[in-house]
Amino acid sequence: MYRYACILLLSASAVSFAGCTSLPFAYQPEVQQGNIITEEMLDDLRPGMSRREARQVLGSPAIEDMFRTNRWDYVHSSSPGGGGATERLTLIFDDNDQLIELRGDRVPENWGS
């Protein structure tokens, strides 16, 4: 009987603590999604690059809009423990598939010079 009481108590404890993710001592891993873009990658981007060259530098974009084919969007978010930052970078190409503009959170100051 004592053995069953211990098993029942341990099971009840395990179930009650299973949903306690907001406890201060609970481990919450950092979750990263999207494209990680380094400073070196940004430095390699140049006006006039083709789509192929830009893809070699940054990888495939997170968003390729089928209605705006001249725009690629790169998004990276990290959420340590449920909150976090989101970085965005948008590449704009002209009709000849040449890179003409960068928009976003981390556009280099000397881009295009």
Protein backbone atom coordinates (compact mmCIF):
# COMPACT_ATOMS: atom_id res chain seq x y z
CA MET A 1 0.00 0.00 0.00
CA TYR A 2 2.83 2.40 0.89
CA ARG A 3 4.43 1.70 -2.49
CA TYR A 4 1.27 2.66 -4.41
CA ALA A 5 0.88 5.83 -2.35
CA CYS A 6 4.44 6.87 -3.24
CA ILE A 7 3.88 6.19 -6.93
CA LEU A 8 0.64 8.16 -6.86
CA LEU A 9 2.32 11.08 -5.06
CA LEU A 10 5.25 11.14 -7.51
CA SER A 11 2.90 10.97 -10.50
CA ALA A 12 0.77 13.81 -9.17
CA SER A 13 3.90 15.91 -8.55
CA ALA A 14 5.21 15.27 -12.04
CA VAL A 15 1.90 16.25 -13.63
CA SER A 16 1.58 19.41 -11.54
CA PHE A 17 5.08 20.63 -12.42
CA ALA A 18 4.85 19.73 -16.12
CA GLY A 19 2.99 22.92 -17.02
CA CYS A 20 5.12 25.27 -14.93
CA THR A 21 7.16 26.90 -17.69
CA SER A 22 6.86 30.35 -16.14
CA LEU A 23 8.84 29.38 -13.06
CA PRO A 24 12.01 31.47 -12.68
CA PHE A 25 14.21 28.37 -12.45
CA ALA A 26 12.74 26.66 -15.53
CA TYR A 27 15.14 26.45 -18.47
CA GLN A 28 13.93 28.25 -21.57
CA PRO A 29 16.14 27.67 -24.61
CA GLU A 30 16.77 30.35 -27.21
CA VAL A 31 14.86 29.67 -30.40
CA GLN A 32 16.22 31.11 -33.64
CA GLN A 33 14.26 31.20 -36.87
CA GLY A 34 14.95 32.58 -40.30
CA ASN A 35 18.17 33.71 -41.94
CA ILE A 36 21.15 34.67 -39.80
CA ILE A 37 22.86 37.57 -41.56
CA THR A 38 26.37 38.51 -40.46
CA GLU A 39 28.23 41.79 -40.97
CA GLU A 40 30.53 40.03 -43.44
CA MET A 41 27.54 39.02 -45.55
CA LEU A 42 26.26 42.60 -45.57
CA ASP A 43 29.70 43.88 -46.56
CA ASP A 44 29.71 41.50 -49.56
CA LEU A 45 26.51 42.99 -51.01
CA ARG A 46 27.08 45.49 -53.82
CA PRO A 47 24.73 47.49 -56.04
CA GLY A 48 24.30 45.82 -59.40
CA MET A 49 24.67 42.27 -58.11
CA SER A 50 22.51 39.69 -59.83
CA ARG A 51 19.90 37.67 -57.96
CA ARG A 52 22.15 34.64 -58.22
CA GLU A 53 25.10 36.47 -56.64
CA ALA A 54 22.89 37.84 -53.85
CA ARG A 55 21.57 34.34 -53.14
CA GLN A 56 25.15 33.04 -52.93
CA VAL A 57 25.96 35.71 -50.33
CA LEU A 58 22.81 35.57 -48.17
CA GLY A 59 21.19 32.25 -48.99
CA SER A 60 17.57 31.79 -49.97
CA PRO A 61 15.23 34.51 -48.75
CA ALA A 62 12.66 33.74 -46.09
CA ILE A 63 9.97 35.41 -48.19
CA GLU A 64 9.76 35.54 -51.99
CA ASP A 65 6.53 37.33 -52.84
CA MET A 66 5.02 35.99 -56.05
CA PHE A 67 3.21 39.30 -56.65
CA ARG A 68 6.30 41.46 -56.14
CA THR A 69 9.03 39.48 -57.85
CA ASN A 70 11.56 42.30 -57.51
CA ARG A 71 11.65 42.02 -53.70
CA TRP A 72 13.28 39.51 -51.37
CA ASP A 73 12.77 39.61 -47.61
CA TYR A 74 15.14 38.11 -45.07
CA VAL A 75 13.85 37.80 -41.51
CA HIS A 76 15.66 36.54 -38.42
CA SER A 77 14.14 36.25 -34.98
CA SER A 78 15.52 34.92 -31.76
CA SER A 79 13.30 34.37 -28.78
CA PRO A 80 15.14 33.52 -25.59
CA GLY A 81 12.46 32.35 -23.24
CA GLY A 82 9.53 33.63 -25.27
CA GLY A 83 10.62 37.22 -26.04
CA GLY A 84 13.20 38.42 -28.46
CA ALA A 85 14.29 40.58 -31.32
CA THR A 86 13.40 40.42 -34.99
CA GLU A 87 15.74 41.70 -37.70
CA ARG A 88 14.60 42.37 -41.24
CA LEU A 89 16.47 42.95 -44.48
CA THR A 90 14.82 43.61 -47.83
CA LEU A 91 16.59 43.44 -51.19
CA ILE A 92 15.05 45.30 -54.14
CA PHE A 93 15.98 44.34 -57.70
CA ASP A 94 15.31 46.23 -60.92
CA ASP A 95 13.73 44.76 -64.06
CA ASN A 96 17.13 43.43 -65.19
CA ASP A 97 17.54 41.43 -61.95
CA GLN A 98 20.20 43.78 -60.60
CA LEU A 99 20.29 44.71 -56.91
CA ILE A 100 19.42 48.39 -56.55
CA GLU A 101 18.33 48.92 -52.94
CA LEU A 102 18.64 47.56 -49.41
CA ARG A 103 16.10 48.27 -46.68
CA GLY A 104 15.98 47.08 -43.14
CA ASP A 105 17.40 47.20 -39.66
CA ARG A 106 21.08 46.64 -40.48
CA VAL A 107 21.78 48.35 -43.79
CA PRO A 108 25.47 49.38 -43.91
CA GLU A 109 25.99 53.15 -43.95
CA ASN A 110 28.39 52.97 -46.88
CA TRP A 111 26.16 50.72 -49.01
CA GLY A 112 26.09 51.91 -52.56
CA SER A 113 29.18 54.10 -52.31
